PDB file of N, CA and C in Angstrom:
ATOM      1  N   MET A   1       1.657  -5.972  14.111  1.00  0.00           N
ATOM      2  CA  MET A   1       2.534  -5.702  13.047  1.00  0.00           C
ATOM      3  C   MET A   1       1.752  -5.555  11.708  1.00  0.00           C
ATOM      4  N   SER A   2       2.142  -4.580  10.900  1.00  0.00           N
ATOM      5  CA  SER A   2       1.444  -4.377   9.613  1.00  0.00           C
ATOM      6  C   SER A   2       2.130  -5.254   8.558  1.00  0.00           C
ATOM      7  N   LYS A   3       1.390  -5.494   7.468  1.00  0.00           N
ATOM      8  CA  LYS A   3       1.919  -6.268   6.344  1.00  0.00           C
ATOM      9  C   LYS A   3       1.373  -5.655   5.062  1.00  0.00           C
ATOM     10  N   ILE A   4       2.122  -5.895   3.998  1.00  0.00           N
ATOM     11  CA  ILE A   4       1.683  -5.442   2.643  1.00  0.00           C
ATOM     12  C   ILE A   4       1.981  -6.503   1.631  1.00  0.00           C
ATOM     13  N   ARG A   5       1.094  -6.653   0.650  1.00  0.00           N
ATOM     14  CA  ARG A   5       1.307  -7.486  -0.491  1.00  0.00           C
ATOM     15  C   ARG A   5       1.105  -6.680  -1.761  1.00  0.00           C
ATOM     16  N   ILE A   6       2.046  -6.670  -2.638  1.00  0.00           N
ATOM     17  CA  ILE A   6       2.069  -5.854  -3.827  1.00  0.00           C
ATOM     18  C   ILE A   6       2.357  -6.702  -5.067  1.00  0.00           C
ATOM     19  N   LYS A   7       1.544  -6.572  -6.145  1.00  0.00           N
ATOM     20  CA  LYS A   7       1.823  -7.221  -7.423  1.00  0.00           C
ATOM     21  C   LYS A   7       1.488  -6.252  -8.497  1.00  0.00           C
ATOM     22  N   ASN A   8       2.311  -6.281  -9.547  1.00  0.00           N
ATOM     23  CA  ASN A   8       2.099  -5.468 -10.756  1.00  0.00           C
ATOM     24  C   ASN A   8       1.893  -4.014 -10.431  1.00  0.00           C
ATOM     25  N   PHE A   9       2.884  -3.463  -9.731  1.00  0.00           N
ATOM     26  CA  PHE A   9       2.902  -2.071  -9.333  1.00  0.00           C
ATOM     27  C   PHE A   9       4.314  -1.539  -9.706  1.00  0.00           C
ATOM     28  N   GLY A  10       4.343  -0.670 -10.736  1.00  0.00           N
ATOM     29  CA  GLY A  10       5.659  -0.201 -11.200  1.00  0.00           C
ATOM     30  C   GLY A  10       6.513  -1.339 -11.686  1.00  0.00           C
ATOM     31  N   PRO A  11       7.763  -1.363 -11.250  1.00  0.00           N
ATOM     32  CA  PRO A  11       8.624  -2.483 -11.701  1.00  0.00           C
ATOM     33  C   PRO A  11       8.402  -3.789 -10.958  1.00  0.00           C
ATOM     34  N   ILE A  12       7.505  -3.779  -9.932  1.00  0.00           N
ATOM     35  CA  ILE A  12       7.222  -5.019  -9.175  1.00  0.00           C
ATOM     36  C   ILE A  12       6.188  -5.826  -9.905  1.00  0.00           C
ATOM     37  N   ARG A  13       6.486  -7.036 -10.225  1.00  0.00           N
ATOM     38  CA  ARG A  13       5.512  -7.895 -10.976  1.00  0.00           C
ATOM     39  C   ARG A  13       4.926  -8.992 -10.046  1.00  0.00           C
ATOM     40  N   GLU A  14       5.768  -9.905  -9.604  1.00  0.00           N
ATOM     41  CA  GLU A  14       5.241 -11.037  -8.793  1.00  0.00           C
ATOM     42  C   GLU A  14       5.175 -10.752  -7.327  1.00  0.00           C
ATOM     43  N   GLY A  15       5.827  -9.726  -6.842  1.00  0.00           N
ATOM     44  CA  GLY A  15       5.785  -9.426  -5.447  1.00  0.00           C
ATOM     45  C   GLY A  15       6.714 -10.249  -4.606  1.00  0.00           C
ATOM     46  N   PHE A  16       6.474 -10.257  -3.302  1.00  0.00           N
ATOM     47  CA  PHE A  16       7.290 -10.973  -2.385  1.00  0.00           C
ATOM     48  C   PHE A  16       7.157 -12.452  -2.531  1.00  0.00           C
ATOM     49  N   ASP A  17       8.239 -13.197  -2.440  1.00  0.00           N
ATOM     50  CA  ASP A  17       8.205 -14.638  -2.755  1.00  0.00           C
ATOM     51  C   ASP A  17       7.643 -15.518  -1.659  1.00  0.00           C
ATOM     52  N   SER A  18       7.707 -15.143  -0.416  1.00  0.00           N
ATOM     53  CA  SER A  18       7.252 -16.024   0.644  1.00  0.00           C
ATOM     54  C   SER A  18       6.112 -15.383   1.423  1.00  0.00           C
ATOM     55  N   ALA A  19       5.631 -16.109   2.435  1.00  0.00           N
ATOM     56  CA  ALA A  19       4.575 -15.643   3.320  1.00  0.00           C
ATOM     57  C   ALA A  19       3.333 -15.219   2.588  1.00  0.00           C
ATOM     58  N   ASP A  20       2.905 -15.997   1.584  1.00  0.00           N
ATOM     59  CA  ASP A  20       1.735 -15.706   0.767  1.00  0.00           C
ATOM     60  C   ASP A  20       1.848 -14.321   0.079  1.00  0.00           C
ATOM     61  N   GLY A  21       3.062 -13.889  -0.159  1.00  0.00           N
ATOM     62  CA  GLY A  21       3.297 -12.611  -0.852  1.00  0.00           C
ATOM     63  C   GLY A  21       3.312 -11.386   0.076  1.00  0.00           C
ATOM     64  N   PHE A  22       3.065 -11.596   1.362  1.00  0.00           N
ATOM     65  CA  PHE A  22       3.024 -10.449   2.311  1.00  0.00           C
ATOM     66  C   PHE A  22       4.402 -10.200   2.877  1.00  0.00           C
ATOM     67  N   MET A  23       4.745  -8.972   2.978  1.00  0.00           N
ATOM     68  CA  MET A  23       5.991  -8.497   3.582  1.00  0.00           C
ATOM     69  C   MET A  23       5.637  -7.794   4.893  1.00  0.00           C
ATOM     70  N   ASP A  24       6.325  -8.157   5.975  1.00  0.00           N
ATOM     71  CA  ASP A  24       6.124  -7.472   7.280  1.00  0.00           C
ATOM     72  C   ASP A  24       6.637  -6.069   7.223  1.00  0.00           C
ATOM     73  N   ILE A  25       5.904  -5.184   7.840  1.00  0.00           N
ATOM     74  CA  ILE A  25       6.326  -3.758   8.000  1.00  0.00           C
ATOM     75  C   ILE A  25       6.554  -3.556   9.483  1.00  0.00           C
ATOM     76  N   THR A  26       7.824  -3.299   9.813  1.00  0.00           N
ATOM     77  CA  THR A  26       8.163  -3.069  11.221  1.00  0.00           C
ATOM     78  C   THR A  26       8.599  -1.664  11.437  1.00  0.00           C
ATOM     79  N   ASN A  27       8.972  -1.306  12.627  1.00  0.00           N
ATOM     80  CA  ASN A  27       9.465   0.072  12.902  1.00  0.00           C
ATOM     81  C   ASN A  27      10.680   0.393  12.050  1.00  0.00           C
ATOM     82  N   ILE A  28      11.467  -0.657  11.761  1.00  0.00           N
ATOM     83  CA  ILE A  28      12.596  -0.473  10.888  1.00  0.00           C
ATOM     84  C   ILE A  28      12.493  -1.559   9.830  1.00  0.00           C
ATOM     85  N   THR A  29      12.242  -1.157   8.593  1.00  0.00           N
ATOM     86  CA  THR A  29      12.163  -2.095   7.516  1.00  0.00           C
ATOM     87  C   THR A  29      13.230  -1.672   6.482  1.00  0.00           C
ATOM     88  N   VAL A  30      14.044  -2.509   6.045  1.00  0.00           N
ATOM     89  CA  VAL A  30      15.153  -2.278   5.152  1.00  0.00           C
ATOM     90  C   VAL A  30      14.838  -2.878   3.772  1.00  0.00           C
ATOM     91  N   PHE A  31      14.935  -2.062   2.728  1.00  0.00           N
ATOM     92  CA  PHE A  31      14.741  -2.555   1.373  1.00  0.00           C
ATOM     93  C   PHE A  31      16.083  -2.615   0.670  1.00  0.00           C
ATOM     94  N   THR A  32      16.350  -3.730   0.032  1.00  0.00           N
ATOM     95  CA  THR A  32      17.574  -3.819  -0.750  1.00  0.00           C
ATOM     96  C   THR A  32      17.190  -4.280  -2.141  1.00  0.00           C
ATOM     97  N   GLY A  33      17.994  -3.889  -3.115  1.00  0.00           N
ATOM     98  CA  GLY A  33      17.702  -4.320  -4.466  1.00  0.00           C
ATOM     99  C   GLY A  33      18.389  -3.398  -5.462  1.00  0.00           C
ATOM    100  N   ASP A  34      18.337  -3.810  -6.722  1.00  0.00           N
ATOM    101  CA  ASP A  34      18.940  -3.032  -7.763  1.00  0.00           C
ATOM    102  C   ASP A  34      18.269  -1.691  -7.959  1.00  0.00           C
ATOM    103  N   GLN A  35      18.920  -0.742  -8.554  1.00  0.00           N
ATOM    104  CA  GLN A  35      18.329   0.523  -8.889  1.00  0.00           C
ATOM    105  C   GLN A  35      17.151   0.269  -9.838  1.00  0.00           C
ATOM    106  N   GLY A  36      16.036   0.988  -9.562  1.00  0.00           N
ATOM    107  CA  GLY A  36      14.832   0.796 -10.382  1.00  0.00           C
ATOM    108  C   GLY A  36      14.035  -0.434 -10.116  1.00  0.00           C
ATOM    109  N   SER A  37      14.270  -1.093  -8.983  1.00  0.00           N
ATOM    110  CA  SER A  37      13.561  -2.360  -8.660  1.00  0.00           C
ATOM    111  C   SER A  37      12.250  -2.093  -7.926  1.00  0.00           C
ATOM    112  N   GLY A  38      11.988  -0.845  -7.505  1.00  0.00           N
ATOM    113  CA  GLY A  38      10.730  -0.542  -6.830  1.00  0.00           C
ATOM    114  C   GLY A  38      10.807  -0.216  -5.346  1.00  0.00           C
ATOM    115  N   LYS A  39      11.946  -0.134  -4.782  1.00  0.00           N
ATOM    116  CA  LYS A  39      12.183   0.127  -3.343  1.00  0.00           C
ATOM    117  C   LYS A  39      11.455   1.398  -2.939  1.00  0.00           C
ATOM    118  N   ARG A  40      11.727   2.490  -3.642  1.00  0.00           N
ATOM    119  CA  ARG A  40      11.149   3.754  -3.238  1.00  0.00           C
ATOM    120  C   ARG A  40       9.631   3.800  -3.456  1.00  0.00           C
ATOM    121  N   GLY A  41       9.133   3.170  -4.501  1.00  0.00           N
ATOM    122  CA  GLY A  41       7.678   3.052  -4.688  1.00  0.00           C
ATOM    123  C   GLY A  41       6.981   2.323  -3.559  1.00  0.00           C
ATOM    124  N   VAL A  42       7.607   1.247  -3.115  1.00  0.00           N
ATOM    125  CA  VAL A  42       7.063   0.463  -2.022  1.00  0.00           C
ATOM    126  C   VAL A  42       7.028   1.295  -0.744  1.00  0.00           C
ATOM    127  N   ALA A  43       8.138   2.006  -0.493  1.00  0.00           N
ATOM    128  CA  ALA A  43       8.212   2.837   0.748  1.00  0.00           C
ATOM    129  C   ALA A  43       7.181   3.927   0.691  1.00  0.00           C
ATOM    130  N   LYS A  44       6.957   4.570  -0.436  1.00  0.00           N
ATOM    131  CA  LYS A  44       5.959   5.581  -0.562  1.00  0.00           C
ATOM    132  C   LYS A  44       4.543   5.006  -0.418  1.00  0.00           C
ATOM    133  N   LEU A  45       4.307   3.881  -0.986  1.00  0.00           N
ATOM    134  CA  LEU A  45       3.017   3.220  -0.872  1.00  0.00           C
ATOM    135  C   LEU A  45       2.711   2.875   0.564  1.00  0.00           C
ATOM    136  N   ILE A  46       3.688   2.338   1.306  1.00  0.00           N
ATOM    137  CA  ILE A  46       3.555   2.092   2.738  1.00  0.00           C
ATOM    138  C   ILE A  46       3.244   3.345   3.477  1.00  0.00           C
ATOM    139  N   SER A  47       3.909   4.457   3.181  1.00  0.00           N
ATOM    140  CA  SER A  47       3.660   5.747   3.799  1.00  0.00           C
ATOM    141  C   SER A  47       2.223   6.165   3.617  1.00  0.00           C
ATOM    142  N   ILE A  48       1.697   6.102   2.381  1.00  0.00           N
ATOM    143  CA  ILE A  48       0.356   6.482   2.090  1.00  0.00           C
ATOM    144  C   ILE A  48      -0.652   5.616   2.870  1.00  0.00           C
ATOM    145  N   LEU A  49      -0.440   4.329   2.828  1.00  0.00           N
ATOM    146  CA  LEU A  49      -1.408   3.410   3.442  1.00  0.00           C
ATOM    147  C   LEU A  49      -1.400   3.563   4.980  1.00  0.00           C
ATOM    148  N   THR A  50      -0.269   3.702   5.583  1.00  0.00           N
ATOM    149  CA  THR A  50      -0.209   3.952   7.048  1.00  0.00           C
ATOM    150  C   THR A  50      -0.880   5.276   7.409  1.00  0.00           C
ATOM    151  N   TRP A  51      -0.699   6.280   6.565  1.00  0.00           N
ATOM    152  CA  TRP A  51      -1.355   7.568   6.802  1.00  0.00           C
ATOM    153  C   TRP A  51      -2.886   7.410   6.689  1.00  0.00           C
ATOM    154  N   ILE A  52      -3.378   6.661   5.723  1.00  0.00           N
ATOM    155  CA  ILE A  52      -4.789   6.443   5.561  1.00  0.00           C
ATOM    156  C   ILE A  52      -5.379   5.773   6.830  1.00  0.00           C
ATOM    157  N   GLU A  53      -4.645   4.745   7.337  1.00  0.00           N
ATOM    158  CA  GLU A  53      -5.092   4.028   8.525  1.00  0.00           C
ATOM    159  C   GLU A  53      -5.151   4.983   9.692  1.00  0.00           C
ATOM    160  N   LYS A  54      -4.141   5.826   9.855  1.00  0.00           N
ATOM    161  CA  LYS A  54      -4.166   6.809  10.979  1.00  0.00           C
ATOM    162  C   LYS A  54      -5.319   7.784  10.849  1.00  0.00           C
ATOM    163  N   ALA A  55      -5.539   8.230   9.574  1.00  0.00           N
ATOM    164  CA  ALA A  55      -6.620   9.177   9.371  1.00  0.00           C
ATOM    165  C   ALA A  55      -7.978   8.579   9.627  1.00  0.00           C
ATOM    166  N   ILE A  56      -8.159   7.318   9.338  1.00  0.00           N
ATOM    167  CA  ILE A  56      -9.385   6.601   9.657  1.00  0.00           C
ATOM    168  C   ILE A  56      -9.559   6.563  11.187  1.00  0.00           C
ATOM    169  N   ASN A  57      -8.494   6.262  11.912  1.00  0.00           N
ATOM    170  CA  ASN A  57      -8.583   6.165  13.363  1.00  0.00           C
ATOM    171  C   ASN A  57      -8.857   7.533  13.985  1.00  0.00           C
ATOM    172  N   ARG A  58      -8.457   8.607  13.365  1.00  0.00           N
ATOM    173  CA  ARG A  58      -8.724   9.950  13.848  1.00  0.00           C
ATOM    174  C   ARG A  58     -10.035  10.481  13.343  1.00  0.00           C
ATOM    175  N   ASP A  59     -10.815   9.688  12.618  1.00  0.00           N
ATOM    176  CA  ASP A  59     -12.106  10.054  12.024  1.00  0.00           C
ATOM    177  C   ASP A  59     -11.943  11.199  10.999  1.00  0.00           C
ATOM    178  N   GLU A  60     -10.807  11.315  10.385  1.00  0.00           N
ATOM    179  CA  GLU A  60     -10.601  12.310   9.322  1.00  0.00           C
ATOM    180  C   GLU A  60     -11.071  11.742   7.984  1.00  0.00           C
ATOM    181  N   ILE A  61     -11.117  10.416   7.890  1.00  0.00           N
ATOM    182  CA  ILE A  61     -11.591   9.742   6.725  1.00  0.00           C
ATOM    183  C   ILE A  61     -12.661   8.752   7.152  1.00  0.00           C
ATOM    184  N   LYS A  62     -13.780   8.767   6.555  1.00  0.00           N
ATOM    185  CA  LYS A  62     -14.854   7.782   6.851  1.00  0.00           C
ATOM    186  C   LYS A  62     -14.709   6.601   5.960  1.00  0.00           C
ATOM    187  N   ILE A  63     -14.872   5.413   6.528  1.00  0.00           N
ATOM    188  CA  ILE A  63     -14.760   4.200   5.815  1.00  0.00           C
ATOM    189  C   ILE A  63     -15.800   4.203   4.691  1.00  0.00           C
ATOM    190  N   GLY A  64     -15.375   3.877   3.518  1.00  0.00           N
ATOM    191  CA  GLY A  64     -16.263   3.706   2.342  1.00  0.00           C
ATOM    192  C   GLY A  64     -16.567   5.018   1.624  1.00  0.00           C
ATOM    193  N   THR A  65     -15.906   6.100   1.997  1.00  0.00           N
ATOM    194  CA  THR A  65     -16.185   7.397   1.351  1.00  0.00           C
ATOM    195  C   THR A  65     -15.137   7.736   0.308  1.00  0.00           C
ATOM    196  N   ARG A  66     -14.123   6.933   0.132  1.00  0.00           N
ATOM    197  CA  ARG A  66     -13.031   7.227  -0.813  1.00  0.00           C
ATOM    198  C   ARG A  66     -13.057   6.237  -1.929  1.00  0.00           C
ATOM    199  N   ASN A  67     -12.448   6.647  -3.056  1.00  0.00           N
ATOM    200  CA  ASN A  67     -12.360   5.717  -4.215  1.00  0.00           C
ATOM    201  C   ASN A  67     -10.974   5.714  -4.780  1.00  0.00           C
ATOM    202  N   PHE A  68     -10.784   4.991  -5.891  1.00  0.00           N
ATOM    203  CA  PHE A  68      -9.499   4.855  -6.492  1.00  0.00           C
ATOM    204  C   PHE A  68      -8.912   6.194  -6.965  1.00  0.00           C
ATOM    205  N   ASN A  69      -9.771   7.065  -7.492  1.00  0.00           N
ATOM    206  CA  ASN A  69      -9.254   8.395  -7.947  1.00  0.00           C
ATOM    207  C   ASN A  69      -8.682   9.197  -6.810  1.00  0.00           C
ATOM    208  N   TRP A  70      -9.304   9.138  -5.671  1.00  0.00           N
ATOM    209  CA  TRP A  70      -8.808   9.824  -4.465  1.00  0.00           C
ATOM    210  C   TRP A  70      -7.455   9.208  -4.102  1.00  0.00           C
ATOM    211  N   PHE A  71      -7.373   7.881  -4.077  1.00  0.00           N
ATOM    212  CA  PHE A  71      -6.154   7.154  -3.744  1.00  0.00           C
ATOM    213  C   PHE A  71      -5.051   7.497  -4.787  1.00  0.00           C
ATOM    214  N   SER A  72      -5.418   7.548  -6.032  1.00  0.00           N
ATOM    215  CA  SER A  72      -4.473   7.886  -7.086  1.00  0.00           C
ATOM    216  C   SER A  72      -3.894   9.288  -6.936  1.00  0.00           C
ATOM    217  N   ASN A  73      -4.719  10.195  -6.473  1.00  0.00           N
ATOM    218  CA  ASN A  73      -4.257  11.591  -6.192  1.00  0.00           C
ATOM    219  C   ASN A  73      -3.236  11.611  -5.092  1.00  0.00           C
ATOM    220  N   LEU A  74      -3.398  10.763  -4.091  1.00  0.00           N
ATOM    221  CA  LEU A  74      -2.389  10.662  -3.000  1.00  0.00           C
ATOM    222  C   LEU A  74      -1.088  10.132  -3.602  1.00  0.00           C
ATOM    223  N   CYS A  75      -1.201   9.160  -4.475  1.00  0.00           N
ATOM    224  CA  CYS A  75      -0.036   8.607  -5.103  1.00  0.00           C
ATOM    225  C   CYS A  75       0.610   9.615  -6.070  1.00  0.00           C
ATOM    226  N   ARG A  76      -0.177  10.466  -6.679  1.00  0.00           N
ATOM    227  CA  ARG A  76       0.367  11.518  -7.579  1.00  0.00           C
ATOM    228  C   ARG A  76       1.242  12.442  -6.738  1.00  0.00           C
ATOM    229  N   TYR A  77       0.781  12.794  -5.567  1.00  0.00           N
ATOM    230  CA  TYR A  77       1.568  13.649  -4.689  1.00  0.00           C
ATOM    231  C   TYR A  77       2.926  13.080  -4.355  1.00  0.00           C
ATOM    232  N   GLN A  78       2.967  11.725  -4.230  1.00  0.00           N
ATOM    233  CA  GLN A  78       4.192  11.031  -4.002  1.00  0.00           C
ATOM    234  C   GLN A  78       5.004  10.690  -5.252  1.00  0.00           C
ATOM    235  N   GLY A  79       4.434  10.964  -6.467  1.00  0.00           N
ATOM    236  CA  GLY A  79       5.111  10.688  -7.698  1.00  0.00           C
ATOM    237  C   GLY A  79       5.070   9.245  -8.117  1.00  0.00           C
ATOM    238  N   ILE A  80       4.081   8.487  -7.618  1.00  0.00           N
ATOM    239  CA  ILE A  80       4.010   7.093  -8.041  1.00  0.00           C
ATOM    240  C   ILE A  80       2.690   6.709  -8.717  1.00  0.00           C
ATOM    241  N   GLN A  81       1.979   7.755  -9.211  1.00  0.00           N
ATOM    242  CA  GLN A  81       0.641   7.527  -9.831  1.00  0.00           C
ATOM    243  C   GLN A  81       0.743   6.710 -11.124  1.00  0.00           C
ATOM    244  N   ASN A  82       1.890   6.745 -11.739  1.00  0.00           N
ATOM    245  CA  ASN A  82       2.041   5.987 -13.006  1.00  0.00           C
ATOM    246  C   ASN A  82       2.470   4.528 -12.793  1.00  0.00           C
ATOM    247  N   TYR A  83       2.590   4.144 -11.551  1.00  0.00           N
ATOM    248  CA  TYR A  83       2.991   2.774 -11.227  1.00  0.00           C
ATOM    249  C   TYR A  83       1.794   1.791 -11.368  1.00  0.00           C
ATOM    250  N   PHE A  84       0.614   2.289 -11.416  1.00  0.00           N
ATOM    251  CA  PHE A  84      -0.524   1.390 -11.450  1.00  0.00           C
ATOM    252  C   PHE A  84      -0.718   0.804 -12.825  1.00  0.00           C
ATOM    253  N   LEU A  85      -0.935  -0.502 -12.866  1.00  0.00           N
ATOM    254  CA  LEU A  85      -1.239  -1.221 -14.079  1.00  0.00           C
ATOM    255  C   LEU A  85      -2.667  -1.720 -14.040  1.00  0.00           C
ATOM    256  N   HIS A  86      -3.146  -2.240 -15.096  1.00  0.00           N
ATOM    257  CA  HIS A  86      -4.549  -2.669 -15.139  1.00  0.00           C
ATOM    258  C   HIS A  86      -4.772  -3.826 -14.137  1.00  0.00           C
ATOM    259  N   ASN A  87      -3.753  -4.562 -13.760  1.00  0.00           N
ATOM    260  CA  ASN A  87      -3.901  -5.724 -12.891  1.00  0.00           C
ATOM    261  C   ASN A  87      -3.119  -5.549 -11.575  1.00  0.00           C
ATOM    262  N   THR A  88      -2.936  -4.325 -11.115  1.00  0.00           N
ATOM    263  CA  THR A  88      -2.251  -4.009  -9.854  1.00  0.00           C
ATOM    264  C   THR A  88      -3.048  -4.630  -8.748  1.00  0.00           C
ATOM    265  N   GLU A  89      -2.329  -5.269  -7.805  1.00  0.00           N
ATOM    266  CA  GLU A  89      -2.965  -5.821  -6.577  1.00  0.00           C
ATOM    267  C   GLU A  89      -2.205  -5.246  -5.385  1.00  0.00           C
ATOM    268  N   ILE A  90      -2.886  -4.627  -4.484  1.00  0.00           N
ATOM    269  CA  ILE A  90      -2.282  -4.123  -3.267  1.00  0.00           C
ATOM    270  C   ILE A  90      -3.186  -4.524  -2.091  1.00  0.00           C
ATOM    271  N   GLU A  91      -2.613  -5.132  -1.116  1.00  0.00           N
ATOM    272  CA  GLU A  91      -3.314  -5.466   0.140  1.00  0.00           C
ATOM    273  C   GLU A  91      -2.451  -4.988   1.259  1.00  0.00           C
ATOM    274  N   TYR A  92      -3.054  -4.228   2.160  1.00  0.00           N
ATOM    275  CA  TYR A  92      -2.393  -3.717   3.338  1.00  0.00           C
ATOM    276  C   TYR A  92      -3.154  -4.196   4.586  1.00  0.00           C
ATOM    277  N   ARG A  93      -2.497  -4.842   5.442  1.00  0.00           N
ATOM    278  CA  ARG A  93      -3.054  -5.296   6.740  1.00  0.00           C
ATOM    279  C   ARG A  93      -2.398  -4.486   7.818  1.00  0.00           C
ATOM    280  N   GLY A  94      -3.070  -3.473   8.271  1.00  0.00           N
ATOM    281  CA  GLY A  94      -2.528  -2.591   9.297  1.00  0.00           C
ATOM    282  C   GLY A  94      -2.843  -3.092  10.681  1.00  0.00           C
ATOM    283  N   LYS A  95      -2.577  -2.257  11.632  1.00  0.00           N
ATOM    284  CA  LYS A  95      -2.832  -2.608  13.015  1.00  0.00           C
ATOM    285  C   LYS A  95      -4.329  -2.695  13.364  1.00  0.00           C
ATOM    286  N   GLY A  96      -5.124  -1.891  12.614  1.00  0.00           N
ATOM    287  CA  GLY A  96      -6.563  -1.861  12.865  1.00  0.00           C
ATOM    288  C   GLY A  96      -7.435  -2.063  11.659  1.00  0.00           C
ATOM    289  N   TYR A  97      -6.863  -1.869  10.441  1.00  0.00           N
ATOM    290  CA  TYR A  97      -7.670  -1.951   9.268  1.00  0.00           C
ATOM    291  C   TYR A  97      -6.965  -2.712   8.115  1.00  0.00           C
ATOM    292  N   TYR A  98      -7.768  -3.230   7.250  1.00  0.00           N
ATOM    293  CA  TYR A  98      -7.362  -4.002   6.098  1.00  0.00           C
ATOM    294  C   TYR A  98      -7.737  -3.162   4.907  1.00  0.00           C
ATOM    295  N   ILE A  99      -6.788  -2.763   4.028  1.00  0.00           N
ATOM    296  CA  ILE A  99      -7.067  -1.908   2.895  1.00  0.00           C
ATOM    297  C   ILE A  99      -6.657  -2.661   1.622  1.00  0.00           C
ATOM    298  N   THR A 100      -7.491  -2.682   0.624  1.00  0.00           N
ATOM    299  CA  THR A 100      -7.135  -3.289  -0.611  1.00  0.00           C
ATOM    300  C   THR A 100      -7.334  -2.341  -1.808  1.00  0.00           C
ATOM    301  N   LEU A 101      -6.773  -2.668  -2.911  1.00  0.00           N
ATOM    302  CA  LEU A 101      -6.975  -1.923  -4.127  1.00  0.00           C
ATOM    303  C   LEU A 101      -7.873  -2.746  -5.023  1.00  0.00           C
ATOM    304  N   PRO A 102      -8.957  -2.200  -5.576  1.00  0.00           N
ATOM    305  CA  PRO A 102      -9.418  -0.825  -5.451  1.00  0.00           C
ATOM    306  C   PRO A 102      -9.724  -0.525  -3.982  1.00  0.00           C
ATOM    307  N   VAL A 103      -9.654   0.783  -3.694  1.00  0.00           N
ATOM    308  CA  VAL A 103      -9.646   1.174  -2.242  1.00  0.00           C
ATOM    309  C   VAL A 103     -10.889   0.690  -1.525  1.00  0.00           C
ATOM    310  N   LYS A 104     -10.648  -0.250  -0.621  1.00  0.00           N
ATOM    311  CA  LYS A 104     -11.676  -0.790   0.230  1.00  0.00           C
ATOM    312  C   LYS A 104     -11.049  -0.893   1.669  1.00  0.00           C
ATOM    313  N   TYR A 105     -11.890  -0.628   2.617  1.00  0.00           N
ATOM    314  CA  TYR A 105     -11.377  -0.684   4.034  1.00  0.00           C
ATOM    315  C   TYR A 105     -12.249  -1.728   4.781  1.00  0.00           C
ATOM    316  N   ALA A 106     -11.597  -2.411   5.684  1.00  0.00           N
ATOM    317  CA  ALA A 106     -12.313  -3.284   6.516  1.00  0.00           C
ATOM    318  C   ALA A 106     -11.581  -3.337   7.874  1.00  0.00           C
ATOM    319  N   LYS A 107     -12.353  -3.491   8.929  1.00  0.00           N
ATOM    320  CA  LYS A 107     -11.763  -3.592  10.285  1.00  0.00           C
ATOM    321  C   LYS A 107     -11.084  -4.938  10.425  1.00  0.00           C
ATOM    322  N   ASN A 108      -9.845  -4.908  10.918  1.00  0.00           N
ATOM    323  CA  ASN A 108      -9.165  -6.191  11.229  1.00  0.00           C
ATOM    324  C   ASN A 108      -9.824  -6.863  12.354  1.00  0.00           C
ATOM    325  N   ARG A 109      -9.840  -8.184  12.326  1.00  0.00           N
ATOM    326  CA  ARG A 109     -10.433  -8.978  13.441  1.00  0.00           C
ATOM    327  C   ARG A 109      -9.429  -9.565  14.329  1.00  0.00           C
TER     328      ARG A 109
END
């Protein structure tokens, strides 16, 4: 199962309240909340990060060859490039890789 932890990204400040701030990502993940609370931004961020993990697995992206500007361009395509703050924290624990912001990749153990 994949997990994500997000802080200071768009309208999201403190992130998820339990599980050390990590939210499980399952085949069906439902987001609820007020309008403008960050649901769409989180969904788009998850989409980008899962795509990156799949691209690494297919050898389309080499580990350590990408940077924040490249990641920001992916977010620009999704319309969430302005969500980044100076203290944004993003951690994604996928099925095979661990990705953090600034963009770093590590093999899950």
